[in-house]
Amino acid sequence: MPTSLIRSRLLTTVAFGALLGLTAIPDTSALAAAQPVVQSPSEASRPTYQNTALDAVAQAGIALQHQQGRKALDQVERAEVALLNLEEIKRDPHLTDALRHVEAARAAVNANDLAAAEQQLAAVSQDLTIAFAPKTAPATMHIAVGAPVYDPSGKEIGPIVSLVFDPHDRVESVVVSVGDYLGSGEKYVAVPSPDIKSDHNRLTLAQSKNQLQQAQNYWGADGSVGSSPPPRQ
């Protein structure tokens, strides 16, 4: 489907943004009785769309790893809506590339070619890392989706799978994959951004992998987002 047609269809979907969690509608009795009035995408809403896009791409990738095509497709479409809103706020060639790869990922999932869909989502993550790079961290920090994180002894904990922006469009926390823990399944832990340090061009944490594996999973079983920080030493 041409991108222009997708844009038209998905921007129409934004009219139901309250259901998707993408659009802020004032909670007043007057609006409750009237037809919802959706705000146009604005610069102030950029962190919300960035978080949604990154979160959806990460969850789509995880779903594909578990051969969950339907769940992956839902997350791909969620990412697509967020990226279209971001592009309305500010034109960026990297966002345009990300949208192209998202469209290709959706087509691959529909064709049941999950390996190809994973490749396209990896390209989306790279595009978004570049598009959001000026806001992610100081130049010395290289915080990016896919970057490995190490413990104090130099052992790899796992890769960064997503970033979370605060209302001021700064990276508030990073979501790190920390592997399985005692048969409980994969763990993804939200780590406060200030806890990430740069050591000889490596991203490091004071916590060990074992400590992080005992923290609450960032994503619930239903894909909802958790909030408990990892344990500190």
C-alpha atoms as a PDB file:
ATOM      1  CA  MET A   1       0.000   0.000   0.000  1.00  0.00           C
ATOM      2  CA  PRO A   2       1.454   3.436  -0.867  1.00  0.00           C
ATOM      3  CA  THR A   3       2.718   5.427   2.089  1.00  0.00           C
ATOM      4  CA  SER A   4       0.370   8.309   1.248  1.00  0.00           C
ATOM      5  CA  LEU A   5      -2.651   6.044   1.608  1.00  0.00           C
ATOM      6  CA  ILE A   6      -1.290   4.584   4.815  1.00  0.00           C
ATOM      7  CA  ARG A   7      -0.760   8.118   6.151  1.00  0.00           C
ATOM      8  CA  SER A   8      -4.371   9.050   5.406  1.00  0.00           C
ATOM      9  CA  ARG A   9      -5.744   5.893   6.988  1.00  0.00           C
ATOM     10  CA  LEU A  10      -3.567   6.029  10.086  1.00  0.00           C
ATOM     11  CA  LEU A  11      -3.977   9.728  10.748  1.00  0.00           C
ATOM     12  CA  THR A  12      -7.703   9.119  10.725  1.00  0.00           C
ATOM     13  CA  THR A  13      -7.041   6.516  13.398  1.00  0.00           C
ATOM     14  CA  VAL A  14      -5.565   9.257  15.582  1.00  0.00           C
ATOM     15  CA  ALA A  15      -9.139  10.442  16.092  1.00  0.00           C
ATOM     16  CA  PHE A  16      -9.362   7.527  18.496  1.00  0.00           C
ATOM     17  CA  GLY A  17      -6.113   8.491  20.206  1.00  0.00           C
ATOM     18  CA  ALA A  18      -7.606   8.189  23.663  1.00  0.00           C
ATOM     19  CA  LEU A  19      -7.856   4.446  23.111  1.00  0.00           C
ATOM     20  CA  LEU A  20      -4.279   4.199  21.849  1.00  0.00           C
ATOM     21  CA  GLY A  21      -2.830   6.430  24.531  1.00  0.00           C
ATOM     22  CA  LEU A  22      -1.403   8.808  21.925  1.00  0.00           C
ATOM     23  CA  THR A  23      -3.655  11.861  22.286  1.00  0.00           C
ATOM     24  CA  ALA A  24      -4.307  13.938  25.368  1.00  0.00           C
ATOM     25  CA  ILE A  25      -7.955  14.963  25.809  1.00  0.00           C
ATOM     26  CA  PRO A  26      -8.890  17.161  28.778  1.00  0.00           C
ATOM     27  CA  ASP A  27     -10.966  15.218  31.294  1.00  0.00           C
ATOM     28  CA  THR A  28     -13.949  17.518  31.795  1.00  0.00           C
ATOM     29  CA  SER A  29     -17.654  16.824  32.143  1.00  0.00           C
ATOM     30  CA  ALA A  30     -18.375  19.003  29.116  1.00  0.00           C
ATOM     31  CA  LEU A  31     -16.078  16.966  26.884  1.00  0.00           C
ATOM     32  CA  ALA A  32     -17.376  13.734  28.348  1.00  0.00           C
ATOM     33  CA  ALA A  33     -20.816  14.584  26.991  1.00  0.00           C
ATOM     34  CA  ALA A  34     -19.592  15.913  23.665  1.00  0.00           C
ATOM     35  CA  GLN A  35     -17.742  14.414  20.727  1.00  0.00           C
ATOM     36  CA  PRO A  36     -14.000  14.235  21.552  1.00  0.00           C
ATOM     37  CA  VAL A  37     -11.911  17.034  20.093  1.00  0.00           C
ATOM     38  CA  VAL A  38      -8.463  15.723  19.178  1.00  0.00           C
ATOM     39  CA  GLN A  39      -5.487  18.043  19.416  1.00  0.00           C
ATOM     40  CA  SER A  40      -3.151  18.237  16.445  1.00  0.00           C
ATOM     41  CA  PRO A  41       0.341  16.830  16.976  1.00  0.00           C
ATOM     42  CA  SER A  42       2.532  19.467  18.599  1.00  0.00           C
ATOM     43  CA  GLU A  43       6.178  19.825  19.587  1.00  0.00           C
ATOM     44  CA  ALA A  44       5.201  19.329  23.235  1.00  0.00           C
ATOM     45  CA  SER A  45       3.788  15.893  22.437  1.00  0.00           C
ATOM     46  CA  ARG A  46       6.961  14.684  20.726  1.00  0.00           C
ATOM     47  CA  PRO A  47       8.285  12.669  23.739  1.00  0.00           C
ATOM     48  CA  THR A  48       4.985  10.791  23.945  1.00  0.00           C
ATOM     49  CA  TYR A  49       5.175   9.759  20.303  1.00  0.00           C
ATOM     50  CA  GLN A  50       8.870   8.914  20.599  1.00  0.00           C
ATOM     51  CA  ASN A  51       8.177   6.675  23.592  1.00  0.00           C
ATOM     52  CA  THR A  52       5.280   5.008  21.806  1.00  0.00           C
ATOM     53  CA  ALA A  53       7.288   4.378  18.633  1.00  0.00           C
ATOM     54  CA  LEU A  54      10.304   2.963  20.477  1.00  0.00           C
ATOM     55  CA  ASP A  55       8.166   0.886  22.831  1.00  0.00           C
ATOM     56  CA  ALA A  56       6.089  -0.545  19.982  1.00  0.00           C
ATOM     57  CA  VAL A  57       9.126  -1.430  17.861  1.00  0.00           C
ATOM     58  CA  ALA A  58      10.750  -3.179  20.855  1.00  0.00           C
ATOM     59  CA  GLN A  59       7.600  -5.145  21.687  1.00  0.00           C
ATOM     60  CA  ALA A  60       7.087  -6.059  18.024  1.00  0.00           C
ATOM     61  CA  GLY A  61      10.628  -7.429  17.880  1.00  0.00           C
ATOM     62  CA  ILE A  62      10.085  -9.483  21.030  1.00  0.00           C
ATOM     63  CA  ALA A  63       6.803 -10.837  19.642  1.00  0.00           C
ATOM     64  CA  LEU A  64       8.535 -11.877  16.428  1.00  0.00           C
ATOM     65  CA  GLN A  65      11.215 -13.731  18.403  1.00  0.00           C
ATOM     66  CA  HIS A  66       8.372 -15.750  19.947  1.00  0.00           C
ATOM     67  CA  GLN A  67       6.649 -16.316  16.593  1.00  0.00           C
ATOM     68  CA  GLN A  68       3.675 -14.179  17.693  1.00  0.00           C
ATOM     69  CA  GLY A  69       2.713 -12.674  14.363  1.00  0.00           C
ATOM     70  CA  ARG A  70      -0.614 -11.163  15.425  1.00  0.00           C
ATOM     71  CA  LYS A  71       0.880  -9.372  18.423  1.00  0.00           C
ATOM     72  CA  ALA A  72       3.815  -8.183  16.305  1.00  0.00           C
ATOM     73  CA  LEU A  73       1.440  -6.776  13.698  1.00  0.00           C
ATOM     74  CA  ASP A  74      -0.506  -4.848  16.337  1.00  0.00           C
ATOM     75  CA  GLN A  75       2.710  -3.298  17.644  1.00  0.00           C
ATOM     76  CA  VAL A  76       3.989  -2.491  14.145  1.00  0.00           C
ATOM     77  CA  GLU A  77       0.780  -0.603  13.401  1.00  0.00           C
ATOM     78  CA  ARG A  78       1.050   1.192  16.765  1.00  0.00           C
ATOM     79  CA  ALA A  79       4.583   2.272  15.864  1.00  0.00           C
ATOM     80  CA  GLU A  80       3.399   3.431  12.461  1.00  0.00           C
ATOM     81  CA  VAL A  81       0.750   5.735  13.932  1.00  0.00           C
ATOM     82  CA  ALA A  82       3.278   7.270  16.338  1.00  0.00           C
ATOM     83  CA  LEU A  83       5.838   7.822  13.571  1.00  0.00           C
ATOM     84  CA  LEU A  84       3.264   9.478  11.339  1.00  0.00           C
ATOM     85  CA  ASN A  85       2.446  11.892  14.146  1.00  0.00           C
ATOM     86  CA  LEU A  86       6.137  12.592  14.670  1.00  0.00           C
ATOM     87  CA  GLU A  87       6.551  13.318  10.997  1.00  0.00           C
ATOM     88  CA  GLU A  88       3.678  15.787  11.193  1.00  0.00           C
ATOM     89  CA  ILE A  89       5.541  17.640  13.947  1.00  0.00           C
ATOM     90  CA  LYS A  90       8.877  17.761  12.159  1.00  0.00           C
ATOM     91  CA  ARG A  91      10.009  16.382   8.820  1.00  0.00           C
ATOM     92  CA  ASP A  92      13.063  14.195   9.184  1.00  0.00           C
ATOM     93  CA  PRO A  93      14.520  11.922   6.501  1.00  0.00           C
ATOM     94  CA  HIS A  94      15.318   9.317   9.157  1.00  0.00           C
ATOM     95  CA  LEU A  95      11.678   9.223  10.232  1.00  0.00           C
ATOM     96  CA  THR A  96      10.697   8.836   6.589  1.00  0.00           C
ATOM     97  CA  ASP A  97      13.101   5.906   6.304  1.00  0.00           C
ATOM     98  CA  ALA A  98      11.720   4.435   9.536  1.00  0.00           C
ATOM     99  CA  LEU A  99       8.182   4.623   8.152  1.00  0.00           C
ATOM    100  CA  ARG A 100       9.312   2.877   4.977  1.00  0.00           C
ATOM    101  CA  HIS A 101      10.863   0.059   7.002  1.00  0.00           C
ATOM    102  CA  VAL A 102       7.774  -0.171   9.235  1.00  0.00           C
ATOM    103  CA  GLU A 103       5.607  -0.531   6.137  1.00  0.00           C
ATOM    104  CA  ALA A 104       7.924  -3.294   4.881  1.00  0.00           C
ATOM    105  CA  ALA A 105       7.804  -4.992   8.298  1.00  0.00           C
ATOM    106  CA  ARG A 106       4.018  -4.971   8.227  1.00  0.00           C
ATOM    107  CA  ALA A 107       3.987  -6.487   4.750  1.00  0.00           C
ATOM    108  CA  ALA A 108       6.470  -9.169   5.859  1.00  0.00           C
ATOM    109  CA  VAL A 109       4.376 -10.103   8.906  1.00  0.00           C
ATOM    110  CA  ASN A 110       1.272 -10.328   6.736  1.00  0.00           C
ATOM    111  CA  ALA A 111       3.222 -12.625   4.415  1.00  0.00           C
ATOM    112  CA  ASN A 112       4.296 -14.686   7.462  1.00  0.00           C
ATOM    113  CA  ASP A 113       7.946 -13.894   6.723  1.00  0.00           C
ATOM    114  CA  LEU A 114       8.877 -13.151  10.320  1.00  0.00           C
ATOM    115  CA  ALA A 115      12.632 -13.209   9.704  1.00  0.00           C
ATOM    116  CA  ALA A 116      12.302 -10.439   7.114  1.00  0.00           C
ATOM    117  CA  ALA A 117      10.058  -8.498   9.500  1.00  0.00           C
ATOM    118  CA  GLU A 118      12.752  -8.702  12.206  1.00  0.00           C
ATOM    119  CA  GLN A 119      15.323  -7.299   9.766  1.00  0.00           C
ATOM    120  CA  GLN A 120      13.043  -4.401   8.900  1.00  0.00           C
ATOM    121  CA  LEU A 121      12.419  -3.613  12.566  1.00  0.00           C
ATOM    122  CA  ALA A 122      16.157  -3.621  13.234  1.00  0.00           C
ATOM    123  CA  ALA A 123      16.460  -1.000  10.496  1.00  0.00           C
ATOM    124  CA  VAL A 124      13.661   1.004  12.151  1.00  0.00           C
ATOM    125  CA  SER A 125      15.581   1.003  15.446  1.00  0.00           C
ATOM    126  CA  GLN A 126      18.689   2.298  13.683  1.00  0.00           C
ATOM    127  CA  ASP A 127      16.699   5.050  11.962  1.00  0.00           C
ATOM    128  CA  LEU A 128      15.092   6.127  15.238  1.00  0.00           C
ATOM    129  CA  THR A 129      18.416   6.093  17.084  1.00  0.00           C
ATOM    130  CA  ILE A 130      19.753   8.572  14.534  1.00  0.00           C
ATOM    131  CA  ALA A 131      16.569  10.655  14.470  1.00  0.00           C
ATOM    132  CA  PHE A 132      16.487  10.977  18.268  1.00  0.00           C
ATOM    133  CA  ALA A 133      20.259  11.044  18.835  1.00  0.00           C
ATOM    134  CA  PRO A 134      20.576  14.767  19.737  1.00  0.00           C
ATOM    135  CA  LYS A 135      18.193  14.176  22.639  1.00  0.00           C
ATOM    136  CA  THR A 136      19.440  10.848  23.944  1.00  0.00           C
ATOM    137  CA  ALA A 137      22.608  11.728  25.848  1.00  0.00           C
ATOM    138  CA  PRO A 138      25.844  13.712  25.747  1.00  0.00           C
ATOM    139  CA  ALA A 139      28.116  12.863  22.832  1.00  0.00           C
ATOM    140  CA  THR A 140      30.386  10.833  25.109  1.00  0.00           C
ATOM    141  CA  MET A 141      27.596   8.495  26.111  1.00  0.00           C
ATOM    142  CA  HIS A 142      26.459   6.703  22.900  1.00  0.00           C
ATOM    143  CA  ILE A 143      23.229   5.465  24.460  1.00  0.00           C
ATOM    144  CA  ALA A 144      21.332   3.779  21.648  1.00  0.00           C
ATOM    145  CA  VAL A 145      18.968   0.904  21.018  1.00  0.00           C
ATOM    146  CA  GLY A 146      21.044  -2.220  20.491  1.00  0.00           C
ATOM    147  CA  ALA A 147      24.087  -0.966  22.427  1.00  0.00           C
ATOM    148  CA  PRO A 148      25.412  -3.530  24.944  1.00  0.00           C
ATOM    149  CA  VAL A 149      25.581  -2.706  28.652  1.00  0.00           C
ATOM    150  CA  TYR A 150      28.289  -4.163  30.924  1.00  0.00           C
ATOM    151  CA  ASP A 151      28.650  -4.739  34.662  1.00  0.00           C
ATOM    152  CA  PRO A 152      31.615  -3.401  36.706  1.00  0.00           C
ATOM    153  CA  SER A 153      33.686  -6.520  35.965  1.00  0.00           C
ATOM    154  CA  GLY A 154      33.319  -6.056  32.216  1.00  0.00           C
ATOM    155  CA  LYS A 155      30.794  -8.852  31.668  1.00  0.00           C
ATOM    156  CA  GLU A 156      28.000  -8.064  29.231  1.00  0.00           C
ATOM    157  CA  ILE A 157      24.578  -7.733  30.848  1.00  0.00           C
ATOM    158  CA  GLY A 158      22.555  -7.368  27.660  1.00  0.00           C
ATOM    159  CA  PRO A 159      21.545  -4.900  24.963  1.00  0.00           C
ATOM    160  CA  ILE A 160      19.407  -1.794  25.270  1.00  0.00           C
ATOM    161  CA  VAL A 161      16.047  -2.581  23.677  1.00  0.00           C
ATOM    162  CA  SER A 162      14.236   0.734  24.174  1.00  0.00           C
ATOM    163  CA  LEU A 163      14.534   4.281  25.516  1.00  0.00           C
ATOM    164  CA  VAL A 164      12.045   6.255  27.601  1.00  0.00           C
ATOM    165  CA  PHE A 165      11.870  10.045  27.253  1.00  0.00           C
ATOM    166  CA  ASP A 166      10.698  12.442  29.966  1.00  0.00           C
ATOM    167  CA  PRO A 167       8.330  15.396  29.313  1.00  0.00           C
ATOM    168  CA  HIS A 168      11.361  17.583  28.548  1.00  0.00           C
ATOM    169  CA  ASP A 169      12.411  15.268  25.685  1.00  0.00           C
ATOM    170  CA  ARG A 170      15.414  13.880  27.556  1.00  0.00           C
ATOM    171  CA  VAL A 171      16.153  10.205  28.070  1.00  0.00           C
ATOM    172  CA  GLU A 172      14.753   9.299  31.486  1.00  0.00           C
ATOM    173  CA  SER A 173      15.560   5.587  31.454  1.00  0.00           C
ATOM    174  CA  VAL A 174      16.726   2.775  29.220  1.00  0.00           C
ATOM    175  CA  VAL A 175      15.209  -0.695  28.956  1.00  0.00           C
ATOM    176  CA  VAL A 176      17.863  -3.424  29.084  1.00  0.00           C
ATOM    177  CA  SER A 177      17.424  -7.085  28.183  1.00  0.00           C
ATOM    178  CA  VAL A 178      18.892  -9.144  31.033  1.00  0.00           C
ATOM    179  CA  GLY A 179      18.032 -12.681  29.856  1.00  0.00           C
ATOM    180  CA  ASP A 180      16.115 -15.404  31.705  1.00  0.00           C
ATOM    181  CA  TYR A 181      15.953 -15.738  35.461  1.00  0.00           C
ATOM    182  CA  LEU A 182      15.162 -19.058  37.171  1.00  0.00           C
ATOM    183  CA  GLY A 183      12.805 -20.155  34.445  1.00  0.00           C
ATOM    184  CA  SER A 184      10.663 -17.034  34.753  1.00  0.00           C
ATOM    185  CA  GLY A 185      11.234 -16.062  31.126  1.00  0.00           C
ATOM    186  CA  GLU A 186      12.966 -13.111  29.563  1.00  0.00           C
ATOM    187  CA  LYS A 187      13.488 -10.048  31.701  1.00  0.00           C
ATOM    188  CA  TYR A 188      13.568  -6.451  30.502  1.00  0.00           C
ATOM    189  CA  VAL A 189      14.526  -3.938  33.177  1.00  0.00           C
ATOM    190  CA  ALA A 190      14.144  -0.158  33.144  1.00  0.00           C
ATOM    191  CA  VAL A 191      17.355   1.498  34.334  1.00  0.00           C
ATOM    192  CA  PRO A 192      17.453   5.228  35.210  1.00  0.00           C
ATOM    193  CA  SER A 193      19.541   7.041  32.635  1.00  0.00           C
ATOM    194  CA  PRO A 194      21.913   8.605  35.234  1.00  0.00           C
ATOM    195  CA  ASP A 195      22.907   5.076  36.317  1.00  0.00           C
ATOM    196  CA  ILE A 196      24.415   4.416  32.894  1.00  0.00           C
ATOM    197  CA  LYS A 197      28.086   5.411  32.816  1.00  0.00           C
ATOM    198  CA  SER A 198      30.621   5.521  30.008  1.00  0.00           C
ATOM    199  CA  ASP A 199      33.819   3.579  30.719  1.00  0.00           C
ATOM    200  CA  HIS A 200      36.372   3.201  27.933  1.00  0.00           C
ATOM    201  CA  ASN A 201      33.649   3.584  25.292  1.00  0.00           C
ATOM    202  CA  ARG A 202      31.475   1.034  27.073  1.00  0.00           C
ATOM    203  CA  LEU A 203      28.125   1.621  28.747  1.00  0.00           C
ATOM    204  CA  THR A 204      28.320   0.274  32.294  1.00  0.00           C
ATOM    205  CA  LEU A 205      26.074  -0.220  35.311  1.00  0.00           C
ATOM    206  CA  ALA A 206      26.958  -0.655  38.973  1.00  0.00           C
ATOM    207  CA  GLN A 207      24.514  -3.583  39.221  1.00  0.00           C
ATOM    208  CA  SER A 208      25.334  -7.135  38.206  1.00  0.00           C
ATOM    209  CA  LYS A 209      23.247  -9.124  35.758  1.00  0.00           C
ATOM    210  CA  ASN A 210      21.998 -11.309  38.603  1.00  0.00           C
ATOM    211  CA  GLN A 211      20.758  -8.260  40.531  1.00  0.00           C
ATOM    212  CA  LEU A 212      18.961  -6.900  37.499  1.00  0.00           C
ATOM    213  CA  GLN A 213      17.337 -10.259  36.792  1.00  0.00           C
ATOM    214  CA  GLN A 214      15.620 -10.050  40.179  1.00  0.00           C
ATOM    215  CA  ALA A 215      14.007  -6.700  39.343  1.00  0.00           C
ATOM    216  CA  GLN A 216      10.449  -6.327  38.113  1.00  0.00           C
ATOM    217  CA  ASN A 217       9.946  -6.963  34.416  1.00  0.00           C
ATOM    218  CA  TYR A 218       9.423  -3.698  32.524  1.00  0.00           C
ATOM    219  CA  TRP A 219       6.700  -5.191  30.326  1.00  0.00           C
ATOM    220  CA  GLY A 220       3.851  -7.123  31.884  1.00  0.00           C
ATOM    221  CA  ALA A 221       2.503 -10.312  30.364  1.00  0.00           C
ATOM    222  CA  ASP A 222      -0.069  -8.235  28.476  1.00  0.00           C
ATOM    223  CA  GLY A 223       2.555  -5.799  27.156  1.00  0.00           C
ATOM    224  CA  SER A 224       1.759  -3.159  29.768  1.00  0.00           C
ATOM    225  CA  VAL A 225       4.618  -1.050  31.085  1.00  0.00           C
ATOM    226  CA  GLY A 226       5.991  -1.534  34.577  1.00  0.00           C
ATOM    227  CA  SER A 227       7.478   1.176  36.754  1.00  0.00           C
ATOM    228  CA  SER A 228       9.627  -0.414  39.475  1.00  0.00           C
ATOM    229  CA  PRO A 229      13.309   0.538  39.199  1.00  0.00           C
ATOM    230  CA  PRO A 230      16.006  -2.140  39.379  1.00  0.00           C
ATOM    231  CA  PRO A 231      17.622  -2.812  42.775  1.00  0.00           C
ATOM    232  CA  ARG A 232      20.554  -0.597  43.670  1.00  0.00           C
ATOM    233  CA  GLN A 233      23.681  -1.660  45.496  1.00  0.00           C
END
